[in-house]
Amino acid sequence: MKTNEITFDSLPQAVAYLVDEVAAIKLLVENHQTLPLAKRVPVGIEEACRIIGKAKPTIYTLVRKRLLPCYKNGKKLYFFEDELLEWISKGKKKTLLEIESEVEAGYKKRFRGTER
């Protein structure tokens, strides 16, 4: 349904369409699924440098050490943006609050059965 076609008479159909779309999104969220990517377009090394904020020599080093996901066709390297962003997210450092809550949860779990 196109947004520029909504009139007062077509308002009930537009609302029904939106309700269906929200229900589909809710189902995806509840099942921890992601929306399908319309198209995965590979990017070159310059774009990869911009995405992860590293210089070309650093990118080449990470690729050589097989730490950064990439694809090679001939002499050119290709990357997918979603894989680069996932690579960045895997390097997340925990905050002090997260560490403290993990320690507290482990402490409670460990000593829960020994209390009398």
PDB file of N, CA and C in Angstrom:
ATOM      1  N   MET A   1       0.848  -1.179   0.000  1.00  0.00           N
ATOM      2  CA  MET A   1       0.000   0.000   0.000  1.00  0.00           C
ATOM      3  C   MET A   1       0.887   1.233   0.000  1.00  0.00           C
ATOM      4  N   LYS A   2       0.644   2.123  -0.902  1.00  0.00           N
ATOM      5  CA  LYS A   2       1.425   3.346  -1.005  1.00  0.00           C
ATOM      6  C   LYS A   2       0.829   4.400  -0.088  1.00  0.00           C
ATOM      7  N   THR A   3       1.705   5.180   0.541  1.00  0.00           N
ATOM      8  CA  THR A   3       1.231   6.178   1.492  1.00  0.00           C
ATOM      9  C   THR A   3       0.500   7.318   0.814  1.00  0.00           C
ATOM     10  N   ASN A   4       0.816   7.624  -0.442  1.00  0.00           N
ATOM     11  CA  ASN A   4       0.157   8.746  -1.097  1.00  0.00           C
ATOM     12  C   ASN A   4      -1.231   8.389  -1.611  1.00  0.00           C
ATOM     13  N   GLU A   5      -1.669   7.130  -1.468  1.00  0.00           N
ATOM     14  CA  GLU A   5      -2.988   6.716  -1.911  1.00  0.00           C
ATOM     15  C   GLU A   5      -4.007   6.672  -0.762  1.00  0.00           C
ATOM     16  N   ILE A   6      -3.605   7.004   0.441  1.00  0.00           N
ATOM     17  CA  ILE A   6      -4.516   6.914   1.583  1.00  0.00           C
ATOM     18  C   ILE A   6      -5.482   8.091   1.563  1.00  0.00           C
ATOM     19  N   THR A   7      -6.754   7.740   1.565  1.00  0.00           N
ATOM     20  CA  THR A   7      -7.820   8.742   1.652  1.00  0.00           C
ATOM     21  C   THR A   7      -8.677   8.378   2.863  1.00  0.00           C
ATOM     22  N   PHE A   8      -9.650   9.223   3.138  1.00  0.00           N
ATOM     23  CA  PHE A   8     -10.527   8.941   4.274  1.00  0.00           C
ATOM     24  C   PHE A   8     -11.269   7.627   4.059  1.00  0.00           C
ATOM     25  N   ASP A   9     -11.663   7.363   2.828  1.00  0.00           N
ATOM     26  CA  ASP A   9     -12.392   6.129   2.527  1.00  0.00           C
ATOM     27  C   ASP A   9     -11.504   4.890   2.632  1.00  0.00           C
ATOM     28  N   SER A  10     -10.211   5.051   2.333  1.00  0.00           N
ATOM     29  CA  SER A  10      -9.316   3.888   2.389  1.00  0.00           C
ATOM     30  C   SER A  10      -8.610   3.758   3.738  1.00  0.00           C
ATOM     31  N   LEU A  11      -8.962   4.602   4.691  1.00  0.00           N
ATOM     32  CA  LEU A  11      -8.335   4.581   6.008  1.00  0.00           C
ATOM     33  C   LEU A  11      -8.493   3.244   6.734  1.00  0.00           C
ATOM     34  N   PRO A  12      -9.649   2.600   6.724  1.00  0.00           N
ATOM     35  CA  PRO A  12      -9.758   1.301   7.405  1.00  0.00           C
ATOM     36  C   PRO A  12      -8.809   0.239   6.817  1.00  0.00           C
ATOM     37  N   GLN A  13      -8.653   0.232   5.501  1.00  0.00           N
ATOM     38  CA  GLN A  13      -7.739  -0.728   4.881  1.00  0.00           C
ATOM     39  C   GLN A  13      -6.293  -0.413   5.258  1.00  0.00           C
ATOM     40  N   ALA A  14      -5.964   0.879   5.329  1.00  0.00           N
ATOM     41  CA  ALA A  14      -4.606   1.271   5.699  1.00  0.00           C
ATOM     42  C   ALA A  14      -4.299   0.859   7.128  1.00  0.00           C
ATOM     43  N   VAL A  15      -5.250   1.048   8.019  1.00  0.00           N
ATOM     44  CA  VAL A  15      -5.059   0.653   9.421  1.00  0.00           C
ATOM     45  C   VAL A  15      -4.927  -0.860   9.528  1.00  0.00           C
ATOM     46  N   ALA A  16      -5.731  -1.601   8.790  1.00  0.00           N
ATOM     47  CA  ALA A  16      -5.637  -3.063   8.806  1.00  0.00           C
ATOM     48  C   ALA A  16      -4.280  -3.514   8.291  1.00  0.00           C
ATOM     49  N   TYR A  17      -3.792  -2.864   7.258  1.00  0.00           N
ATOM     50  CA  TYR A  17      -2.465  -3.184   6.713  1.00  0.00           C
ATOM     51  C   TYR A  17      -1.387  -2.934   7.765  1.00  0.00           C
ATOM     52  N   LEU A  18      -1.459  -1.802   8.450  1.00  0.00           N
ATOM     53  CA  LEU A  18      -0.472  -1.475   9.481  1.00  0.00           C
ATOM     54  C   LEU A  18      -0.540  -2.455  10.645  1.00  0.00           C
ATOM     55  N   VAL A  19      -1.722  -2.867  11.039  1.00  0.00           N
ATOM     56  CA  VAL A  19      -1.877  -3.844  12.116  1.00  0.00           C
ATOM     57  C   VAL A  19      -1.203  -5.159  11.726  1.00  0.00           C
ATOM     58  N   ASP A  20      -1.393  -5.592  10.485  1.00  0.00           N
ATOM     59  CA  ASP A  20      -0.745  -6.820  10.015  1.00  0.00           C
ATOM     60  C   ASP A  20       0.770  -6.690  10.021  1.00  0.00           C
ATOM     61  N   GLU A  21       1.276  -5.552   9.579  1.00  0.00           N
ATOM     62  CA  GLU A  21       2.724  -5.328   9.540  1.00  0.00           C
ATOM     63  C   GLU A  21       3.313  -5.316  10.953  1.00  0.00           C
ATOM     64  N   VAL A  22       2.652  -4.653  11.883  1.00  0.00           N
ATOM     65  CA  VAL A  22       3.121  -4.606  13.272  1.00  0.00           C
ATOM     66  C   VAL A  22       3.105  -6.005  13.877  1.00  0.00           C
ATOM     67  N   ALA A  23       2.092  -6.791  13.582  1.00  0.00           N
ATOM     68  CA  ALA A  23       2.022  -8.161  14.093  1.00  0.00           C
ATOM     69  C   ALA A  23       3.181  -8.994  13.556  1.00  0.00           C
ATOM     70  N   ALA A  24       3.530  -8.813  12.290  1.00  0.00           N
ATOM     71  CA  ALA A  24       4.655  -9.552  11.701  1.00  0.00           C
ATOM     72  C   ALA A  24       5.969  -9.142  12.350  1.00  0.00           C
ATOM     73  N   ILE A  25       6.152  -7.857  12.580  1.00  0.00           N
ATOM     74  CA  ILE A  25       7.367  -7.376  13.230  1.00  0.00           C
ATOM     75  C   ILE A  25       7.439  -7.883  14.665  1.00  0.00           C
ATOM     76  N   LYS A  26       6.319  -7.872  15.359  1.00  0.00           N
ATOM     77  CA  LYS A  26       6.274  -8.367  16.737  1.00  0.00           C
ATOM     78  C   LYS A  26       6.667  -9.843  16.783  1.00  0.00           C
ATOM     79  N   LEU A  27       6.184 -10.619  15.836  1.00  0.00           N
ATOM     80  CA  LEU A  27       6.527 -12.033  15.774  1.00  0.00           C
ATOM     81  C   LEU A  27       8.028 -12.226  15.559  1.00  0.00           C
ATOM     82  N   LEU A  28       8.615 -11.426  14.688  1.00  0.00           N
ATOM     83  CA  LEU A  28      10.056 -11.505  14.457  1.00  0.00           C
ATOM     84  C   LEU A  28      10.840 -11.173  15.725  1.00  0.00           C
ATOM     85  N   VAL A  29      10.416 -10.130  16.421  1.00  0.00           N
ATOM     86  CA  VAL A  29      11.106  -9.716  17.644  1.00  0.00           C
ATOM     87  C   VAL A  29      10.978 -10.788  18.719  1.00  0.00           C
ATOM     88  N   GLU A  30       9.782 -11.351  18.869  1.00  0.00           N
ATOM     89  CA  GLU A  30       9.573 -12.379  19.874  1.00  0.00           C
ATOM     90  C   GLU A  30      10.404 -13.628  19.589  1.00  0.00           C
ATOM     91  N   ASN A  31      10.643 -13.927  18.340  1.00  0.00           N
ATOM     92  CA  ASN A  31      11.436 -15.100  17.963  1.00  0.00           C
ATOM     93  C   ASN A  31      12.909 -14.757  17.774  1.00  0.00           C
ATOM     94  N   HIS A  32      13.295 -13.534  18.131  1.00  0.00           N
ATOM     95  CA  HIS A  32      14.678 -13.064  18.019  1.00  0.00           C
ATOM     96  C   HIS A  32      15.205 -13.227  16.597  1.00  0.00           C
ATOM     97  N   GLN A  33      14.392 -12.908  15.629  1.00  0.00           N
ATOM     98  CA  GLN A  33      14.804 -12.975  14.242  1.00  0.00           C
ATOM     99  C   GLN A  33      15.045 -11.563  13.738  1.00  0.00           C
ATOM    100  N   THR A  34      15.786 -11.483  12.658  1.00  0.00           N
ATOM    101  CA  THR A  34      16.026 -10.194  12.037  1.00  0.00           C
ATOM    102  C   THR A  34      15.279 -10.134  10.723  1.00  0.00           C
ATOM    103  N   LEU A  35      15.017  -8.925  10.287  1.00  0.00           N
ATOM    104  CA  LEU A  35      14.369  -8.755   8.999  1.00  0.00           C
ATOM    105  C   LEU A  35      15.333  -9.195   7.902  1.00  0.00           C
ATOM    106  N   PRO A  36      14.850  -9.834   6.864  1.00  0.00           N
ATOM    107  CA  PRO A  36      15.750 -10.271   5.811  1.00  0.00           C
ATOM    108  C   PRO A  36      16.372  -9.070   5.105  1.00  0.00           C
ATOM    109  N   LEU A  37      17.642  -9.183   4.814  1.00  0.00           N
ATOM    110  CA  LEU A  37      18.318  -8.107   4.107  1.00  0.00           C
ATOM    111  C   LEU A  37      17.871  -8.121   2.655  1.00  0.00           C
ATOM    112  N   ALA A  38      17.521  -6.962   2.155  1.00  0.00           N
ATOM    113  CA  ALA A  38      17.040  -6.877   0.785  1.00  0.00           C
ATOM    114  C   ALA A  38      18.136  -7.305  -0.188  1.00  0.00           C
ATOM    115  N   LYS A  39      19.355  -6.853   0.066  1.00  0.00           N
ATOM    116  CA  LYS A  39      20.432  -7.152  -0.847  1.00  0.00           C
ATOM    117  C   LYS A  39      21.749  -6.953  -0.113  1.00  0.00           C
ATOM    118  N   ARG A  40      22.603  -7.942  -0.162  1.00  0.00           N
ATOM    119  CA  ARG A  40      23.929  -7.805   0.434  1.00  0.00           C
ATOM    120  C   ARG A  40      24.885  -7.394  -0.666  1.00  0.00           C
ATOM    121  N   VAL A  41      25.404  -6.213  -0.549  1.00  0.00           N
ATOM    122  CA  VAL A  41      26.322  -5.700  -1.556  1.00  0.00           C
ATOM    123  C   VAL A  41      27.720  -5.661  -0.952  1.00  0.00           C
ATOM    124  N   PRO A  42      28.681  -6.311  -1.592  1.00  0.00           N
ATOM    125  CA  PRO A  42      30.042  -6.263  -1.061  1.00  0.00           C
ATOM    126  C   PRO A  42      30.637  -4.863  -1.213  1.00  0.00           C
ATOM    127  N   VAL A  43      31.502  -4.522  -0.276  1.00  0.00           N
ATOM    128  CA  VAL A  43      32.187  -3.231  -0.324  1.00  0.00           C
ATOM    129  C   VAL A  43      33.679  -3.484  -0.445  1.00  0.00           C
ATOM    130  N   GLY A  44      34.387  -2.497  -0.959  1.00  0.00           N
ATOM    131  CA  GLY A  44      35.833  -2.587  -1.116  1.00  0.00           C
ATOM    132  C   GLY A  44      36.562  -2.193   0.154  1.00  0.00           C
ATOM    133  N   ILE A  45      37.869  -2.166   0.041  1.00  0.00           N
ATOM    134  CA  ILE A  45      38.685  -1.902   1.238  1.00  0.00           C
ATOM    135  C   ILE A  45      38.518  -0.467   1.741  1.00  0.00           C
ATOM    136  N   GLU A  46      38.326   0.496   0.847  1.00  0.00           N
ATOM    137  CA  GLU A  46      38.156   1.885   1.303  1.00  0.00           C
ATOM    138  C   GLU A  46      36.907   2.025   2.172  1.00  0.00           C
ATOM    139  N   GLU A  47      35.811   1.391   1.720  1.00  0.00           N
ATOM    140  CA  GLU A  47      34.567   1.436   2.496  1.00  0.00           C
ATOM    141  C   GLU A  47      34.720   0.667   3.806  1.00  0.00           C
ATOM    142  N   ALA A  48      35.451  -0.449   3.774  1.00  0.00           N
ATOM    143  CA  ALA A  48      35.693  -1.215   5.003  1.00  0.00           C
ATOM    144  C   ALA A  48      36.485  -0.369   5.998  1.00  0.00           C
ATOM    145  N   CYS A  49      37.449   0.388   5.502  1.00  0.00           N
ATOM    146  CA  CYS A  49      38.220   1.284   6.375  1.00  0.00           C
ATOM    147  C   CYS A  49      37.301   2.299   7.045  1.00  0.00           C
ATOM    148  N   ARG A  50      36.360   2.832   6.276  1.00  0.00           N
ATOM    149  CA  ARG A  50      35.436   3.821   6.821  1.00  0.00           C
ATOM    150  C   ARG A  50      34.499   3.201   7.849  1.00  0.00           C
ATOM    151  N   ILE A  51      34.035   1.994   7.567  1.00  0.00           N
ATOM    152  CA  ILE A  51      33.059   1.351   8.453  1.00  0.00           C
ATOM    153  C   ILE A  51      33.676   1.044   9.808  1.00  0.00           C
ATOM    154  N   ILE A  52      34.874   0.467   9.813  1.00  0.00           N
ATOM    155  CA  ILE A  52      35.444   0.076  11.104  1.00  0.00           C
ATOM    156  C   ILE A  52      36.452   1.083  11.648  1.00  0.00           C
ATOM    157  N   GLY A  53      36.741   2.130  10.886  1.00  0.00           N
ATOM    158  CA  GLY A  53      37.601   3.198  11.385  1.00  0.00           C
ATOM    159  C   GLY A  53      39.057   2.806  11.517  1.00  0.00           C
ATOM    160  N   LYS A  54      39.539   2.006  10.592  1.00  0.00           N
ATOM    161  CA  LYS A  54      40.945   1.589  10.602  1.00  0.00           C
ATOM    162  C   LYS A  54      41.601   1.971   9.289  1.00  0.00           C
ATOM    163  N   ALA A  55      42.915   2.083   9.299  1.00  0.00           N
ATOM    164  CA  ALA A  55      43.670   2.396   8.094  1.00  0.00           C
ATOM    165  C   ALA A  55      43.865   1.135   7.251  1.00  0.00           C
ATOM    166  N   LYS A  56      44.168   1.327   5.971  1.00  0.00           N
ATOM    167  CA  LYS A  56      44.353   0.194   5.055  1.00  0.00           C
ATOM    168  C   LYS A  56      45.390  -0.820   5.555  1.00  0.00           C
ATOM    169  N   PRO A  57      46.571  -0.369   6.012  1.00  0.00           N
ATOM    170  CA  PRO A  57      47.544  -1.364   6.489  1.00  0.00           C
ATOM    171  C   PRO A  57      47.003  -2.211   7.646  1.00  0.00           C
ATOM    172  N   THR A  58      46.205  -1.609   8.504  1.00  0.00           N
ATOM    173  CA  THR A  58      45.608  -2.350   9.620  1.00  0.00           C
ATOM    174  C   THR A  58      44.618  -3.375   9.095  1.00  0.00           C
ATOM    175  N   ILE A  59      43.822  -2.986   8.099  1.00  0.00           N
ATOM    176  CA  ILE A  59      42.863  -3.917   7.498  1.00  0.00           C
ATOM    177  C   ILE A  59      43.614  -5.101   6.892  1.00  0.00           C
ATOM    178  N   TYR A  60      44.661  -4.806   6.122  1.00  0.00           N
ATOM    179  CA  TYR A  60      45.436  -5.887   5.506  1.00  0.00           C
ATOM    180  C   TYR A  60      46.038  -6.822   6.558  1.00  0.00           C
ATOM    181  N   THR A  61      46.516  -6.266   7.658  1.00  0.00           N
ATOM    182  CA  THR A  61      47.078  -7.086   8.736  1.00  0.00           C
ATOM    183  C   THR A  61      46.008  -7.966   9.364  1.00  0.00           C
ATOM    184  N   LEU A  62      44.840  -7.402   9.638  1.00  0.00           N
ATOM    185  CA  LEU A  62      43.744  -8.181  10.225  1.00  0.00           C
ATOM    186  C   LEU A  62      43.288  -9.288   9.277  1.00  0.00           C
ATOM    187  N   VAL A  63      43.262  -9.005   7.988  1.00  0.00           N
ATOM    188  CA  VAL A  63      42.885 -10.021   7.000  1.00  0.00           C
ATOM    189  C   VAL A  63      43.935 -11.111   6.945  1.00  0.00           C
ATOM    190  N   ARG A  64      45.212 -10.720   6.914  1.00  0.00           N
ATOM    191  CA  ARG A  64      46.304 -11.696   6.854  1.00  0.00           C
ATOM    192  C   ARG A  64      46.291 -12.622   8.071  1.00  0.00           C
ATOM    193  N   LYS A  65      45.965 -12.077   9.241  1.00  0.00           N
ATOM    194  CA  LYS A  65      45.898 -12.889  10.465  1.00  0.00           C
ATOM    195  C   LYS A  65      44.568 -13.625  10.591  1.00  0.00           C
ATOM    196  N   ARG A  66      43.696 -13.451   9.607  1.00  0.00           N
ATOM    197  CA  ARG A  66      42.367 -14.079   9.568  1.00  0.00           C
ATOM    198  C   ARG A  66      41.502 -13.686  10.767  1.00  0.00           C
ATOM    199  N   LEU A  67      41.605 -12.434  11.154  1.00  0.00           N
ATOM    200  CA  LEU A  67      40.803 -11.902  12.254  1.00  0.00           C
ATOM    201  C   LEU A  67      39.593 -11.124  11.752  1.00  0.00           C
ATOM    202  N   LEU A  68      39.649 -10.684  10.502  1.00  0.00           N
ATOM    203  CA  LEU A  68      38.580  -9.874   9.925  1.00  0.00           C
ATOM    204  C   LEU A  68      37.928 -10.656   8.787  1.00  0.00           C
ATOM    205  N   PRO A  69      36.587 -10.788   8.805  1.00  0.00           N
ATOM    206  CA  PRO A  69      35.920 -11.547   7.733  1.00  0.00           C
ATOM    207  C   PRO A  69      36.029 -10.821   6.393  1.00  0.00           C
ATOM    208  N   CYS A  70      36.485 -11.540   5.379  1.00  0.00           N
ATOM    209  CA  CYS A  70      36.622 -10.939   4.061  1.00  0.00           C
ATOM    210  C   CYS A  70      36.489 -12.004   2.981  1.00  0.00           C
ATOM    211  N   TYR A  71      36.409 -11.546   1.752  1.00  0.00           N
ATOM    212  CA  TYR A  71      36.325 -12.417   0.593  1.00  0.00           C
ATOM    213  C   TYR A  71      37.315 -11.906  -0.423  1.00  0.00           C
ATOM    214  N   LYS A  72      37.927 -12.825  -1.160  1.00  0.00           N
ATOM    215  CA  LYS A  72      38.937 -12.425  -2.126  1.00  0.00           C
ATOM    216  C   LYS A  72      38.592 -13.013  -3.481  1.00  0.00           C
ATOM    217  N   ASN A  73      38.624 -12.165  -4.478  1.00  0.00           N
ATOM    218  CA  ASN A  73      38.416 -12.594  -5.852  1.00  0.00           C
ATOM    219  C   ASN A  73      39.549 -11.986  -6.656  1.00  0.00           C
ATOM    220  N   GLY A  74      40.485 -12.822  -7.066  1.00  0.00           N
ATOM    221  CA  GLY A  74      41.677 -12.307  -7.730  1.00  0.00           C
ATOM    222  C   GLY A  74      42.539 -11.583  -6.722  1.00  0.00           C
ATOM    223  N   LYS A  75      42.859 -10.339  -7.014  1.00  0.00           N
ATOM    224  CA  LYS A  75      43.692  -9.555  -6.095  1.00  0.00           C
ATOM    225  C   LYS A  75      42.880  -8.592  -5.242  1.00  0.00           C
ATOM    226  N   LYS A  76      41.558  -8.575  -5.420  1.00  0.00           N
ATOM    227  CA  LYS A  76      40.727  -7.626  -4.682  1.00  0.00           C
ATOM    228  C   LYS A  76      40.090  -8.272  -3.462  1.00  0.00           C
ATOM    229  N   LEU A  77      40.025  -7.500  -2.384  1.00  0.00           N
ATOM    230  CA  LEU A  77      39.339  -7.920  -1.168  1.00  0.00           C
ATOM    231  C   LEU A  77      37.945  -7.302  -1.145  1.00  0.00           C
ATOM    232  N   TYR A  78      36.991  -8.087  -0.674  1.00  0.00           N
ATOM    233  CA  TYR A  78      35.618  -7.625  -0.534  1.00  0.00           C
ATOM    234  C   TYR A  78      35.135  -7.921   0.877  1.00  0.00           C
ATOM    235  N   PHE A  79      34.250  -7.072   1.362  1.00  0.00           N
ATOM    236  CA  PHE A  79      33.702  -7.204   2.698  1.00  0.00           C
ATOM    237  C   PHE A  79      32.202  -6.982   2.631  1.00  0.00           C
ATOM    238  N   PHE A  80      31.476  -7.520   3.620  1.00  0.00           N
ATOM    239  CA  PHE A  80      30.056  -7.222   3.762  1.00  0.00           C
ATOM    240  C   PHE A  80      29.890  -6.383   5.019  1.00  0.00           C
ATOM    241  N   GLU A  81      29.136  -5.307   4.906  1.00  0.00           N
ATOM    242  CA  GLU A  81      28.981  -4.361   6.008  1.00  0.00           C
ATOM    243  C   GLU A  81      28.440  -5.031   7.265  1.00  0.00           C
ATOM    244  N   ASP A  82      27.447  -5.919   7.118  1.00  0.00           N
ATOM    245  CA  ASP A  82      26.875  -6.552   8.306  1.00  0.00           C
ATOM    246  C   ASP A  82      27.907  -7.418   9.026  1.00  0.00           C
ATOM    247  N   GLU A  83      28.801  -8.065   8.289  1.00  0.00           N
ATOM    248  CA  GLU A  83      29.849  -8.870   8.930  1.00  0.00           C
ATOM    249  C   GLU A  83      30.876  -7.997   9.632  1.00  0.00           C
ATOM    250  N   LEU A  84      31.189  -6.841   9.041  1.00  0.00           N
ATOM    251  CA  LEU A  84      32.125  -5.923   9.700  1.00  0.00           C
ATOM    252  C   LEU A  84      31.531  -5.367  10.987  1.00  0.00           C
ATOM    253  N   LEU A  85      30.253  -5.020  10.948  1.00  0.00           N
ATOM    254  CA  LEU A  85      29.600  -4.501  12.153  1.00  0.00           C
ATOM    255  C   LEU A  85      29.501  -5.581  13.229  1.00  0.00           C
ATOM    256  N   GLU A  86      29.262  -6.818  12.821  1.00  0.00           N
ATOM    257  CA  GLU A  86      29.233  -7.919  13.784  1.00  0.00           C
ATOM    258  C   GLU A  86      30.615  -8.129  14.391  1.00  0.00           C
ATOM    259  N   TRP A  87      31.665  -8.005  13.578  1.00  0.00           N
ATOM    260  CA  TRP A  87      33.042  -8.145  14.061  1.00  0.00           C
ATOM    261  C   TRP A  87      33.334  -7.082  15.108  1.00  0.00           C
ATOM    262  N   ILE A  88      32.872  -5.865  14.861  1.00  0.00           N
ATOM    263  CA  ILE A  88      33.065  -4.784  15.834  1.00  0.00           C
ATOM    264  C   ILE A  88      32.333  -5.110  17.130  1.00  0.00           C
ATOM    265  N   SER A  89      31.094  -5.590  17.029  1.00  0.00           N
ATOM    266  CA  SER A  89      30.294  -5.849  18.232  1.00  0.00           C
ATOM    267  C   SER A  89      30.865  -6.980  19.071  1.00  0.00           C
ATOM    268  N   LYS A  90      31.591  -7.900  18.471  1.00  0.00           N
ATOM    269  CA  LYS A  90      32.198  -8.995  19.237  1.00  0.00           C
ATOM    270  C   LYS A  90      33.334  -8.505  20.128  1.00  0.00           C
ATOM    271  N   GLY A  91      33.863  -7.325  19.842  1.00  0.00           N
ATOM    272  CA  GLY A  91      34.960  -6.792  20.634  1.00  0.00           C
ATOM    273  C   GLY A  91      34.498  -5.900  21.769  1.00  0.00           C
ATOM    274  N   LYS A  92      33.218  -5.970  22.126  1.00  0.00           N
ATOM    275  CA  LYS A  92      32.670  -5.104  23.174  1.00  0.00           C
ATOM    276  C   LYS A  92      33.331  -5.387  24.517  1.00  0.00           C
ATOM    277  N   LYS A  93      33.741  -4.342  25.179  1.00  0.00           N
ATOM    278  CA  LYS A  93      34.287  -4.450  26.525  1.00  0.00           C
ATOM    279  C   LYS A  93      33.152  -4.235  27.517  1.00  0.00           C
ATOM    280  N   LYS A  94      33.131  -5.047  28.552  1.00  0.00           N
ATOM    281  CA  LYS A  94      32.074  -4.939  29.548  1.00  0.00           C
ATOM    282  C   LYS A  94      32.300  -3.726  30.435  1.00  0.00           C
ATOM    283  N   THR A  95      31.200  -3.121  30.847  1.00  0.00           N
ATOM    284  CA  THR A  95      31.283  -2.002  31.783  1.00  0.00           C
ATOM    285  C   THR A  95      31.478  -2.554  33.191  1.00  0.00           C
ATOM    286  N   LEU A  96      31.877  -1.688  34.100  1.00  0.00           N
ATOM    287  CA  LEU A  96      32.047  -2.118  35.496  1.00  0.00           C
ATOM    288  C   LEU A  96      30.733  -2.626  36.069  1.00  0.00           C
ATOM    289  N   LEU A  97      29.643  -1.988  35.704  1.00  0.00           N
ATOM    290  CA  LEU A  97      28.330  -2.413  36.189  1.00  0.00           C
ATOM    291  C   LEU A  97      27.996  -3.824  35.699  1.00  0.00           C
ATOM    292  N   GLU A  98      28.309  -4.124  34.440  1.00  0.00           N
ATOM    293  CA  GLU A  98      28.058  -5.463  33.900  1.00  0.00           C
ATOM    294  C   GLU A  98      28.922  -6.509  34.612  1.00  0.00           C
ATOM    295  N   ILE A  99      30.178  -6.172  34.852  1.00  0.00           N
ATOM    296  CA  ILE A  99      31.085  -7.096  35.543  1.00  0.00           C
ATOM    297  C   ILE A  99      30.600  -7.345  36.963  1.00  0.00           C
ATOM    298  N   GLU A 100      30.217  -6.274  37.661  1.00  0.00           N
ATOM    299  CA  GLU A 100      29.736  -6.419  39.035  1.00  0.00           C
ATOM    300  C   GLU A 100      28.474  -7.278  39.093  1.00  0.00           C
ATOM    301  N   SER A 101      27.558  -7.067  38.155  1.00  0.00           N
ATOM    302  CA  SER A 101      26.327  -7.861  38.171  1.00  0.00           C
ATOM    303  C   SER A 101      26.613  -9.327  37.863  1.00  0.00           C
ATOM    304  N   GLU A 102      27.575  -9.621  36.995  1.00  0.00           N
ATOM    305  CA  GLU A 102      27.956 -11.007  36.718  1.00  0.00           C
ATOM    306  C   GLU A 102      28.580 -11.663  37.945  1.00  0.00           C
ATOM    307  N   VAL A 103      29.442 -10.925  38.630  1.00  0.00           N
ATOM    308  CA  VAL A 103      30.080 -11.453  39.832  1.00  0.00           C
ATOM    309  C   VAL A 103      29.025 -11.710  40.904  1.00  0.00           C
ATOM    310  N   GLU A 104      28.114 -10.778  41.074  1.00  0.00           N
ATOM    311  CA  GLU A 104      27.058 -10.929  42.070  1.00  0.00           C
ATOM    312  C   GLU A 104      26.167 -12.128  41.744  1.00  0.00           C
ATOM    313  N   ALA A 105      25.815 -12.287  40.477  1.00  0.00           N
ATOM    314  CA  ALA A 105      24.980 -13.419  40.071  1.00  0.00           C
ATOM    315  C   ALA A 105      25.717 -14.736  40.302  1.00  0.00           C
ATOM    316  N   GLY A 106      27.007 -14.766  39.997  1.00  0.00           N
ATOM    317  CA  GLY A 106      27.803 -15.970  40.237  1.00  0.00           C
ATOM    318  C   GLY A 106      27.934 -16.272  41.720  1.00  0.00           C
ATOM    319  N   TYR A 107      28.089 -15.231  42.523  1.00  0.00           N
ATOM    320  CA  TYR A 107      28.205 -15.398  43.971  1.00  0.00           C
ATOM    321  C   TYR A 107      26.915 -15.974  44.541  1.00  0.00           C
ATOM    322  N   LYS A 108      25.781 -15.402  44.107  1.00  0.00           N
ATOM    323  CA  LYS A 108      24.490 -15.887  44.593  1.00  0.00           C
ATOM    324  C   LYS A 108      24.260 -17.330  44.163  1.00  0.00           C
ATOM    325  N   LYS A 109      24.611 -17.654  42.949  1.00  0.00           N
ATOM    326  CA  LYS A 109      24.414 -19.005  42.427  1.00  0.00           C
ATOM    327  C   LYS A 109      25.299 -19.998  43.173  1.00  0.00           C
ATOM    328  N   ARG A 110      26.511 -19.612  43.466  1.00  0.00           N
ATOM    329  CA  ARG A 110      27.473 -20.502  44.101  1.00  0.00           C
ATOM    330  C   ARG A 110      27.134 -20.790  45.552  1.00  0.00           C
ATOM    331  N   PHE A 111      26.678 -19.770  46.245  1.00  0.00           N
ATOM    332  CA  PHE A 111      26.444 -19.915  47.682  1.00  0.00           C
ATOM    333  C   PHE A 111      24.969 -20.063  48.047  1.00  0.00           C
ATOM    334  N   ARG A 112      24.113 -20.230  47.079  1.00  0.00           N
ATOM    335  CA  ARG A 112      22.686 -20.370  47.342  1.00  0.00           C
ATOM    336  C   ARG A 112      22.423 -21.656  48.128  1.00  0.00           C
ATOM    337  N   GLY A 113      23.074 -22.740  47.775  1.00  0.00           N
ATOM    338  CA  GLY A 113      22.812 -24.031  48.415  1.00  0.00           C
ATOM    339  C   GLY A 113      23.507 -24.202  49.755  1.00  0.00           C
ATOM    340  N   THR A 114      24.481 -23.352  50.110  1.00  0.00           N
ATOM    341  CA  THR A 114      25.219 -23.542  51.355  1.00  0.00           C
ATOM    342  C   THR A 114      24.611 -22.789  52.537  1.00  0.00           C
ATOM    343  N   GLU A 115      23.613 -21.939  52.285  1.00  0.00           N
ATOM    344  CA  GLU A 115      22.993 -21.196  53.388  1.00  0.00           C
ATOM    345  C   GLU A 115      22.098 -22.129  54.195  1.00  0.00           C
ATOM    346  N   ARG A 116      22.097 -21.946  55.513  1.00  0.00           N
ATOM    347  CA  ARG A 116      21.274 -22.807  56.397  1.00  0.00           C
ATOM    348  C   ARG A 116      20.448 -21.995  57.311  1.00  0.00           C
TER     349      ARG A 116
END
